Amino acid sequence: MKTILVAGAGHGGLSAAINLARKGYDVTVIEKQKREEMGYDWEDAIELSAFDFAEIERPDESIYIKSHHMAYMSPNGQHVLKMPYDKGIGKRVHMERKGLTKHMFAQAEKAGVKLVFETEILAPVIERNAVKGMKIKDGDNEAILRSDLLIDAAGLTSPIRTHLPSSFGIVRQFEERNIFNAYRVYFDNTDGTITDPPYNVTFFHMNKPGISWTITDEKFVDIIVGKFQMKGKLTMDEVNASIDDFRSRYPYIGNKILRGGEKIESIPISRMISKIVHNGYAAVGDSAGMTIPLSGSGLVLSIMAGKYLADCVLGIGDGEFTEKSLWPYEYNYFQEQGKNYLMLDAFKNFFTYVEAKDIDYILKKKILTEQQFSVADGEPLVLPLKQIIHIVLNGLPVIEIFPHLIGALAVVPALPVILKTMPKEYDEKKFKKWEKFYLSL
């Protein structure tokens, strides 16, 4: 029987673990936190179809509500892009993270997965160019756990990925432009007012490079204040200034904290890293950069990626878990899911070069429209020639950032080439050639 270790109780790792344990694999998940402390104390958007795709039972309806109609807003609050709502009906919901985590744990144990908590993961065990397990610390004792395959679901700062040899060719540290800091809090809604739309995402709020949002409900106002780390870590002074400004816009935001009130650092906001497999190793979820690059949301992508990984492992059967045999996992995930987020990643990189006044102008002149941001909902990118001409002509007044805008748009014609040149079967020479092109965008 093949032994599978999962580093971290991330949703992608749990998704893979559930599917593999059902098929008789010996699967153990190692997590450093206490079981009862797992899951943030807030809601997050997720598509129920992800559970169907991963062949995991949907969570009970008691832990989610239908998703809110949303809009993107300029820093000055004067220009709004309302996203089409019909795409999300019956598809996207807001789900309690703690409830989702409990559900995934229950599904894992039902499938036969062993869950081990309060155990620190120290590093991978490397032997002859392969990952053969992990080194752990349980209390005062250190031990070695061996595996045929180690699934890395331990997040952006994973002690597995960050300690892999450079010769494996897997990114160990994310660039600061691919890291997001955020503070999230729920305040009471003093008079039950709901904005139209209820969910408003603001770019560069209070001149902070990043995104913030408000979601209004009859009982609460959900606020997140976010900042790209490459411009410095988010401070509480910035958080308080943003909350004060939101209160000036929405005077019904109360002072009573209902939940949250927590600052989270090291949220990945990146496209998939270029290589996520090696001999005896596969990364999934945040550890592999499987996120929506403008928001850091990765629940849907992680759960689906876990199924891609499990299918690949089942296809290998009694064979060895090598770079070559695990490659179909990366290939299939990228071809069917990861490709959709290249454009948003390019926009995110573009936003790190601009200022609030530039974003005001870009949204005012519709240089970027609902079409581009619909990629965040998994929709294919639509950028007709007429739109490109409009972008070029109206981008001239912001000439200092124009080269970065053109650089972002370069992803459009490059995408078909990226998909076509990605080797379907792993070949190091072909992969290196593809990787160079992939990283150049």
Protein backbone atom coordinates (compact mmCIF):
# COMPACT_ATOMS: atom_id res chain seq x y z
CA MET A 1 0.00 0.00 0.00
CA LYS A 2 1.36 3.41 -0.97
CA THR A 3 1.98 5.82 1.91
CA ILE A 4 0.85 9.41 1.35
CA LEU A 5 1.78 12.21 3.75
CA VAL A 6 0.04 15.59 3.54
CA ALA A 7 1.91 18.53 5.05
CA GLY A 8 -0.68 20.94 6.45
CA ALA A 9 -4.46 20.67 6.60
CA GLY A 10 -5.04 22.99 3.64
CA HIS A 11 -8.20 22.43 1.61
CA GLY A 12 -6.31 21.23 -1.47
CA GLY A 13 -4.41 18.65 0.55
CA LEU A 14 -7.60 17.48 2.23
CA SER A 15 -9.33 17.19 -1.15
CA ALA A 16 -6.54 14.96 -2.47
CA ALA A 17 -6.42 13.00 0.81
CA ILE A 18 -10.17 12.24 0.74
CA ASN A 19 -10.05 10.93 -2.82
CA LEU A 20 -6.93 8.83 -2.23
CA ALA A 21 -7.99 7.33 1.10
CA ARG A 22 -11.25 6.14 -0.50
CA LYS A 23 -9.16 4.12 -2.94
CA GLY A 24 -7.21 2.40 -0.18
CA TYR A 25 -4.12 4.59 0.11
CA ASP A 26 -2.57 5.07 3.54
CA VAL A 27 -3.03 8.83 3.96
CA THR A 28 -1.97 10.93 6.95
CA VAL A 29 -2.38 14.70 7.31
CA ILE A 30 0.05 16.49 9.64
CA GLU A 31 -1.02 19.89 10.98
CA LYS A 32 0.72 22.14 13.53
CA GLN A 33 -2.40 23.89 14.85
CA LYS A 34 -4.98 22.57 17.28
CA ARG A 35 -8.02 21.06 15.62
CA GLU A 36 -10.46 23.44 17.31
CA GLU A 37 -8.45 26.49 16.18
CA MET A 38 -8.52 25.64 12.48
CA GLY A 39 -10.43 27.94 10.13
CA TYR A 40 -10.78 31.72 10.15
CA ASP A 41 -13.70 33.32 11.98
CA TRP A 42 -15.34 34.71 8.85
CA GLU A 43 -17.07 33.84 5.59
CA ASP A 44 -15.46 33.43 2.18
CA ALA A 45 -16.85 33.11 -1.33
CA ILE A 46 -16.80 29.62 -2.77
CA GLU A 47 -18.47 27.83 -5.66
CA LEU A 48 -20.45 24.75 -4.67
CA SER A 49 -19.55 23.14 -7.99
CA ALA A 50 -16.00 22.71 -6.64
CA PHE A 51 -17.26 20.01 -4.28
CA ASP A 52 -19.08 18.26 -7.12
CA PHE A 53 -15.94 18.36 -9.26
CA ALA A 54 -13.84 16.95 -6.40
CA GLU A 55 -16.48 14.30 -5.62
CA ILE A 56 -16.79 15.56 -2.06
CA GLU A 57 -20.14 15.90 -0.35
CA ARG A 58 -21.40 19.49 -0.29
CA PRO A 59 -21.43 21.18 3.14
CA ASP A 60 -24.76 21.64 4.90
CA GLU A 61 -26.70 24.72 3.79
CA SER A 62 -26.66 26.04 7.36
CA ILE A 63 -23.08 27.31 6.95
CA TYR A 64 -23.55 29.37 3.79
CA ILE A 65 -25.65 32.04 2.11
CA LYS A 66 -26.02 33.08 -1.54
CA SER A 67 -23.16 35.27 -2.74
CA HIS A 68 -23.57 39.03 -2.93
CA HIS A 69 -23.72 41.14 -6.09
CA MET A 70 -20.37 42.91 -6.31
CA ALA A 71 -18.66 45.90 -7.87
CA TYR A 72 -15.12 47.24 -8.26
CA MET A 73 -14.67 50.87 -7.19
CA SER A 74 -12.03 53.50 -7.95
CA PRO A 75 -9.98 54.99 -5.07
CA ASN A 76 -12.01 58.22 -5.12
CA GLY A 77 -15.27 56.25 -5.03
CA GLN A 78 -16.62 57.97 -8.16
CA HIS A 79 -16.23 55.19 -10.76
CA VAL A 80 -17.80 51.78 -10.35
CA LEU A 81 -17.63 48.56 -12.38
CA LYS A 82 -20.69 46.47 -11.48
CA MET A 83 -20.07 42.83 -12.25
CA PRO A 84 -22.82 40.82 -13.98
CA TYR A 85 -24.79 39.06 -11.26
CA ASP A 86 -26.37 36.25 -13.27
CA LYS A 87 -23.04 34.38 -13.42
CA GLY A 88 -23.08 33.73 -9.70
CA ILE A 89 -26.72 32.69 -9.19
CA GLY A 90 -26.81 29.14 -7.86
CA LYS A 91 -23.06 28.91 -8.32
CA ARG A 92 -21.28 30.99 -5.70
CA VAL A 93 -22.03 31.28 -1.99
CA HIS A 94 -20.45 32.82 1.08
CA MET A 95 -19.45 30.03 3.45
CA GLU A 96 -18.32 29.97 7.07
CA ARG A 97 -14.64 29.05 7.05
CA LYS A 98 -14.78 27.22 10.38
CA GLY A 99 -17.83 25.32 9.19
CA LEU A 100 -16.10 24.43 5.93
CA THR A 101 -13.00 23.24 7.78
CA LYS A 102 -15.06 21.02 10.09
CA HIS A 103 -16.87 19.61 7.06
CA MET A 104 -13.61 18.78 5.28
CA PHE A 105 -12.23 17.12 8.41
CA ALA A 106 -15.38 15.02 8.75
CA GLN A 107 -15.23 13.97 5.10
CA ALA A 108 -11.55 13.09 5.45
CA GLU A 109 -12.08 10.90 8.50
CA LYS A 110 -15.09 9.23 6.84
CA ALA A 111 -12.82 8.35 3.90
CA GLY A 112 -10.16 6.87 6.22
CA VAL A 113 -7.67 9.75 6.39
CA LYS A 114 -5.65 9.97 9.61
CA LEU A 115 -5.58 13.57 10.94
CA VAL A 116 -2.71 14.49 13.26
CA PHE A 117 -2.78 17.92 14.94
CA GLU A 118 -0.41 19.92 17.15
CA THR A 119 2.60 18.50 15.33
CA GLU A 120 5.16 20.86 13.86
CA ILE A 121 6.57 20.16 10.40
CA LEU A 122 10.27 20.98 10.32
CA ALA A 123 11.59 20.04 6.87
CA PRO A 124 11.40 17.49 4.07
CA VAL A 125 13.50 14.33 4.08
CA ILE A 126 15.63 14.31 0.92
CA GLU A 127 17.35 11.20 -0.44
CA ARG A 128 18.88 10.76 -3.90
CA ASN A 129 17.11 13.66 -5.61
CA ALA A 130 13.72 12.76 -4.14
CA VAL A 131 11.46 13.66 -1.23
CA LYS A 132 11.08 10.63 1.00
CA GLY A 133 9.09 12.04 3.89
CA MET A 134 9.20 14.80 6.49
CA LYS A 135 10.90 15.65 9.74
CA ILE A 136 8.44 16.59 12.50
CA LYS A 137 8.46 17.79 16.10
CA ASP A 138 5.87 16.41 18.49
CA GLY A 139 6.29 18.14 21.84
CA ASP A 140 9.99 17.86 22.69
CA ASN A 141 10.56 14.91 20.38
CA GLU A 142 11.70 14.97 16.77
CA ALA A 143 10.91 12.15 14.38
CA ILE A 144 11.06 11.15 10.72
CA LEU A 145 7.90 10.17 8.87
CA ARG A 146 8.53 8.40 5.58
CA SER A 147 6.33 8.51 2.50
CA ASP A 148 6.04 7.40 -1.09
CA LEU A 149 4.52 10.80 -1.88
CA LEU A 150 4.55 14.01 0.13
CA ILE A 151 1.72 16.43 -0.70
CA ASP A 152 2.61 19.96 0.32
CA ALA A 153 -0.51 21.83 1.48
CA ALA A 154 1.24 23.96 4.09
CA GLY A 155 0.76 27.33 2.43
CA LEU A 156 2.92 30.17 1.20
CA THR A 157 5.57 29.77 3.92
CA SER A 158 5.50 25.96 3.84
CA PRO A 159 8.46 24.44 5.76
CA ILE A 160 8.53 21.74 3.09
CA ARG A 161 8.72 23.87 -0.07
CA THR A 162 11.00 26.50 1.50
CA HIS A 163 13.53 23.80 2.43
CA LEU A 164 13.66 21.96 -0.88
CA PRO A 165 17.07 21.93 -2.62
CA SER A 166 17.40 24.59 -5.30
CA SER A 167 18.28 21.80 -7.75
CA PHE A 168 14.61 20.71 -7.66
CA GLY A 169 13.72 23.88 -9.56
CA ILE A 170 10.73 24.72 -7.34
CA VAL A 171 10.23 28.27 -6.07
CA ARG A 172 11.05 28.37 -2.37
CA GLN A 173 10.24 32.01 -1.59
CA PHE A 174 7.48 34.07 -3.21
CA GLU A 175 8.34 37.58 -4.43
CA GLU A 176 6.93 40.37 -2.29
CA ARG A 177 4.74 41.54 -5.18
CA ASN A 178 3.00 38.16 -4.82
CA ILE A 179 2.24 38.58 -1.11
CA PHE A 180 -0.74 40.38 0.41
CA ASN A 181 -1.39 41.63 3.96
CA ALA A 182 -4.95 42.04 5.19
CA TYR A 183 -7.03 42.95 8.23
CA ARG A 184 -10.61 41.69 8.45
CA VAL A 185 -13.35 42.64 10.87
CA TYR A 186 -17.14 42.47 11.20
CA PHE A 187 -18.83 45.50 12.80
CA ASP A 188 -22.47 45.76 13.78
CA ASN A 189 -24.81 47.46 11.30
CA THR A 190 -26.63 50.05 13.41
CA ASP A 191 -29.69 50.58 11.16
CA GLY A 192 -29.75 47.61 8.75
CA THR A 193 -28.84 49.60 5.63
CA ILE A 194 -27.56 47.54 2.69
CA THR A 195 -25.57 49.20 -0.10
CA ASP A 196 -26.29 48.60 -3.79
CA PRO A 197 -24.47 46.43 -4.58
CA PRO A 198 -23.79 44.98 -1.11
CA TYR A 199 -20.20 43.92 -1.97
CA ASN A 200 -17.85 46.76 -2.99
CA VAL A 201 -14.15 46.24 -3.69
CA THR A 202 -12.09 49.46 -3.64
CA PHE A 203 -8.71 49.75 -5.33
CA PHE A 204 -6.01 51.73 -3.51
CA HIS A 205 -8.32 52.80 -0.72
CA MET A 206 -6.80 55.71 1.21
CA ASN A 207 -3.88 55.55 -1.27
CA LYS A 208 -2.76 52.14 -0.03
CA PRO A 209 -1.53 49.94 -2.90
CA GLY A 210 -3.91 47.01 -2.71
CA ILE A 211 -7.61 46.31 -2.38
CA SER A 212 -10.12 46.78 0.42
CA TRP A 213 -13.80 45.95 0.60
CA THR A 214 -17.07 46.37 2.42
CA ILE A 215 -19.93 43.86 2.42
CA THR A 216 -23.14 45.10 3.98
CA ASP A 217 -25.71 42.87 5.64
CA GLU A 218 -28.73 43.82 7.73
CA LYS A 219 -26.85 42.79 10.86
CA PHE A 220 -23.21 43.53 10.08
CA VAL A 221 -20.68 45.24 7.83
CA ASP A 222 -17.78 43.01 6.77
CA ILE A 223 -14.60 45.04 6.15
CA ILE A 224 -11.26 43.95 4.79
CA VAL A 225 -8.28 46.29 4.45
CA GLY A 226 -5.54 44.92 2.20
CA LYS A 227 -2.12 45.99 0.97
CA PHE A 228 0.52 44.61 -1.40
CA GLN A 229 3.51 43.69 0.76
CA MET A 230 6.05 45.01 -1.75
CA LYS A 231 4.94 48.50 -0.67
CA GLY A 232 5.52 47.70 2.99
CA LYS A 233 3.57 45.67 5.52
CA LEU A 234 0.10 46.77 6.53
CA THR A 235 0.10 48.82 9.75
CA MET A 236 -2.72 49.30 12.25
CA ASP A 237 -2.57 53.05 11.60
CA GLU A 238 -3.45 52.31 7.96
CA VAL A 239 -6.17 49.91 9.05
CA ASN A 240 -7.76 52.44 11.39
CA ALA A 241 -7.59 55.22 8.78
CA SER A 242 -9.38 52.99 6.26
CA ILE A 243 -12.08 52.00 8.75
CA ASP A 244 -12.62 55.67 9.67
CA ASP A 245 -13.04 56.53 5.98
CA PHE A 246 -15.53 53.71 5.45
CA ARG A 247 -17.49 55.00 8.45
CA SER A 248 -17.61 58.44 6.84
CA ARG A 249 -19.12 56.84 3.72
CA TYR A 250 -21.38 54.47 5.63
CA PRO A 251 -22.36 56.05 8.97
CA TYR A 252 -24.28 52.93 10.00
CA ILE A 253 -21.02 51.01 10.60
CA GLY A 254 -21.04 50.51 14.36
CA ASN A 255 -18.18 50.22 16.83
CA LYS A 256 -19.01 46.76 18.12
CA ILE A 257 -16.74 44.04 16.73
CA LEU A 258 -18.89 40.97 16.09
CA ARG A 259 -16.09 38.72 14.80
CA GLY A 260 -12.71 38.87 13.13
CA GLY A 261 -10.54 41.81 14.08
CA GLU A 262 -7.48 39.91 12.91
CA LYS A 263 -4.52 40.86 10.72
CA ILE A 264 -3.28 38.16 8.38
CA GLU A 265 0.11 38.41 6.68
CA SER A 266 1.64 36.27 3.96
CA ILE A 267 -1.44 35.72 1.78
CA PRO A 268 -0.31 34.61 -1.70
CA ILE A 269 -1.67 36.60 -4.65
CA SER A 270 0.02 34.90 -7.55
CA ARG A 271 -0.43 32.76 -10.59
CA MET A 272 0.59 29.12 -10.21
CA ILE A 273 4.33 28.77 -9.69
CA SER A 274 6.04 27.27 -12.72
CA LYS A 275 6.88 23.88 -11.21
CA ILE A 276 4.85 22.13 -8.52
CA VAL A 277 6.07 18.52 -8.76
CA HIS A 278 9.30 16.62 -8.23
CA ASN A 279 10.27 13.08 -7.35
CA GLY A 280 8.10 12.13 -4.37
CA TYR A 281 6.64 15.64 -4.06
CA ALA A 282 3.59 17.62 -5.19
CA ALA A 283 2.45 21.07 -4.04
CA VAL A 284 -1.20 22.10 -3.93
CA GLY A 285 -3.20 25.20 -2.96
CA ASP A 286 -1.39 28.24 -1.56
CA SER A 287 1.91 26.36 -1.53
CA ALA A 288 1.64 26.08 -5.32
CA GLY A 289 0.36 29.64 -5.88
CA MET A 290 -3.16 28.48 -6.75
CA THR A 291 -5.00 31.71 -6.00
CA ILE A 292 -6.99 34.50 -7.62
CA PRO A 293 -4.16 37.05 -7.94
CA LEU A 294 -6.18 40.16 -7.07
CA SER A 295 -7.77 38.83 -3.89
CA GLY A 296 -5.79 35.83 -2.66
CA SER A 297 -8.91 33.66 -2.66
CA GLY A 298 -7.99 30.07 -3.40
CA LEU A 299 -10.60 27.77 -1.86
CA VAL A 300 -12.20 26.68 -5.12
CA LEU A 301 -8.91 26.28 -6.96
CA SER A 302 -7.36 24.32 -4.09
CA ILE A 303 -10.26 21.89 -3.75
CA MET A 304 -10.31 21.28 -7.50
CA ALA A 305 -6.51 20.94 -7.66
CA GLY A 306 -6.69 18.24 -5.00
CA LYS A 307 -8.89 16.19 -7.32
CA TYR A 308 -6.51 16.70 -10.26
CA LEU A 309 -3.67 15.48 -8.04
CA ALA A 310 -5.60 12.47 -6.75
CA ASP A 311 -6.55 11.44 -10.29
CA CYS A 312 -2.91 11.63 -11.33
CA VAL A 313 -1.79 9.53 -8.36
CA LEU A 314 -4.46 6.92 -9.08
CA GLY A 315 -3.30 6.83 -12.69
CA ILE A 316 0.26 6.08 -11.57
CA GLY A 317 -0.99 3.04 -9.67
CA ASP A 318 1.91 0.83 -8.59
CA GLY A 319 4.45 2.98 -10.40
CA GLU A 320 6.90 5.41 -8.85
CA PHE A 321 6.01 8.99 -8.00
CA THR A 322 8.50 10.75 -10.21
CA GLU A 323 8.75 14.17 -11.78
CA LYS A 324 7.55 12.63 -15.03
CA SER A 325 4.70 10.55 -13.65
CA LEU A 326 3.35 13.46 -11.53
CA TRP A 327 3.58 15.97 -14.38
CA PRO A 328 0.03 15.24 -15.71
CA TYR A 329 -1.30 16.75 -12.46
CA GLU A 330 0.39 20.09 -13.16
CA TYR A 331 -0.37 19.99 -16.87
CA ASN A 332 -4.08 19.21 -16.52
CA TYR A 333 -4.62 21.71 -13.72
CA PHE A 334 -2.93 24.52 -15.61
CA GLN A 335 -4.58 23.78 -18.95
CA GLU A 336 -8.06 23.67 -17.44
CA GLN A 337 -7.87 26.07 -14.48
CA GLY A 338 -4.58 27.92 -13.94
CA LYS A 339 -4.59 29.56 -17.37
CA ASN A 340 -7.65 31.62 -16.38
CA TYR A 341 -5.66 33.67 -13.89
CA LEU A 342 -2.68 34.77 -15.97
CA MET A 343 -4.45 37.96 -16.99
CA LEU A 344 -5.40 38.86 -13.43
CA ASP A 345 -1.82 38.20 -12.35
CA ALA A 346 -0.64 40.59 -15.06
CA PHE A 347 -3.13 43.22 -13.83
CA LYS A 348 -1.98 42.69 -10.27
CA ASN A 349 1.63 43.25 -11.28
CA PHE A 350 0.53 46.36 -13.19
CA PHE A 351 -1.20 47.71 -10.07
CA THR A 352 2.07 47.55 -8.14
CA TYR A 353 3.50 50.24 -10.48
CA VAL A 354 0.62 52.72 -10.32
CA GLU A 355 -0.84 55.24 -7.88
CA ALA A 356 -4.40 55.96 -6.79
CA LYS A 357 -4.81 58.81 -9.32
CA ASP A 358 -3.88 56.44 -12.14
CA ILE A 359 -6.53 53.92 -11.09
CA ASP A 360 -9.13 56.70 -10.92
CA TYR A 361 -8.30 57.64 -14.53
CA ILE A 362 -8.19 54.02 -15.76
CA LEU A 363 -11.67 53.22 -14.44
CA LYS A 364 -13.08 56.60 -15.48
CA LYS A 365 -11.98 56.04 -19.09
CA LYS A 366 -12.90 52.33 -18.99
CA ILE A 367 -9.37 51.35 -19.95
CA LEU A 368 -10.10 48.26 -17.89
CA THR A 369 -13.69 47.00 -17.91
CA GLU A 370 -15.96 44.31 -16.51
CA GLN A 371 -14.72 41.99 -19.25
CA GLN A 372 -11.20 41.86 -17.85
CA PHE A 373 -12.28 41.48 -14.24
CA SER A 374 -14.75 38.72 -15.12
CA VAL A 375 -11.69 36.46 -15.28
CA ALA A 376 -11.87 36.43 -11.49
CA ASP A 377 -15.11 34.45 -11.85
CA GLY A 378 -13.41 31.87 -14.03
CA GLU A 379 -14.76 33.35 -17.27
CA PRO A 380 -12.55 33.25 -20.38
CA LEU A 381 -10.77 36.48 -21.24
CA VAL A 382 -12.45 38.59 -23.91
CA LEU A 383 -10.37 41.47 -25.27
CA PRO A 384 -11.42 42.43 -28.81
CA LEU A 385 -9.28 44.61 -31.07
CA LYS A 386 -11.64 47.55 -30.52
CA GLN A 387 -10.99 47.38 -26.78
CA ILE A 388 -7.22 47.17 -27.28
CA ILE A 389 -7.31 50.30 -29.51
CA HIS A 390 -9.37 52.09 -26.85
CA ILE A 391 -6.83 51.11 -24.19
CA VAL A 392 -3.91 52.37 -26.27
CA LEU A 393 -5.52 55.70 -27.17
CA ASN A 394 -6.83 56.47 -23.69
CA GLY A 395 -3.70 55.26 -21.93
CA LEU A 396 -1.55 58.05 -23.34
CA PRO A 397 -2.36 60.64 -20.60
CA VAL A 398 -0.82 58.26 -18.03
CA ILE A 399 2.28 57.85 -20.15
CA GLU A 400 4.59 57.05 -17.22
CA ILE A 401 2.70 53.80 -16.48
CA PHE A 402 1.83 53.05 -20.11
CA PRO A 403 4.71 50.57 -20.64
CA HIS A 404 3.50 48.54 -17.63
CA LEU A 405 -0.06 48.54 -19.00
CA ILE A 406 1.17 47.30 -22.37
CA GLY A 407 3.24 44.68 -20.54
CA ALA A 408 0.10 43.45 -18.78
CA LEU A 409 -1.81 43.27 -22.06
CA ALA A 410 1.02 41.22 -23.58
CA VAL A 411 -0.46 38.20 -21.83
CA VAL A 412 -3.43 38.26 -24.25
CA PRO A 413 -1.63 37.12 -27.42
CA ALA A 414 0.83 35.06 -25.40
CA LEU A 415 -1.78 32.87 -23.68
CA PRO A 416 -2.43 30.50 -26.62
CA VAL A 417 1.33 30.09 -27.05
CA ILE A 418 1.80 29.32 -23.34
CA LEU A 419 -0.89 26.65 -23.49
CA LYS A 420 0.39 25.09 -26.70
CA THR A 421 4.08 25.03 -25.77
CA MET A 422 3.58 23.57 -22.27
CA PRO A 423 4.89 20.01 -22.66
CA LYS A 424 2.14 17.42 -22.21
CA GLU A 425 4.73 14.92 -21.05
CA TYR A 426 7.59 16.03 -18.82
CA ASP A 427 10.84 16.65 -20.63
CA GLU A 428 13.35 18.81 -18.77
CA LYS A 429 14.62 20.62 -21.86
CA LYS A 430 11.12 21.39 -23.13
CA PHE A 431 9.97 22.36 -19.65
CA LYS A 432 12.85 24.81 -19.16
CA LYS A 433 12.05 26.46 -22.48
CA TRP A 434 8.36 26.76 -21.53
CA GLU A 435 9.19 27.97 -18.03
CA LYS A 436 11.37 30.78 -19.36
CA PHE A 437 8.50 32.04 -21.50
CA TYR A 438 5.96 31.59 -18.68
CA LEU A 439 8.07 33.58 -16.21
CA SER A 440 8.76 36.35 -18.71
CA LEU A 441 5.13 37.50 -18.64
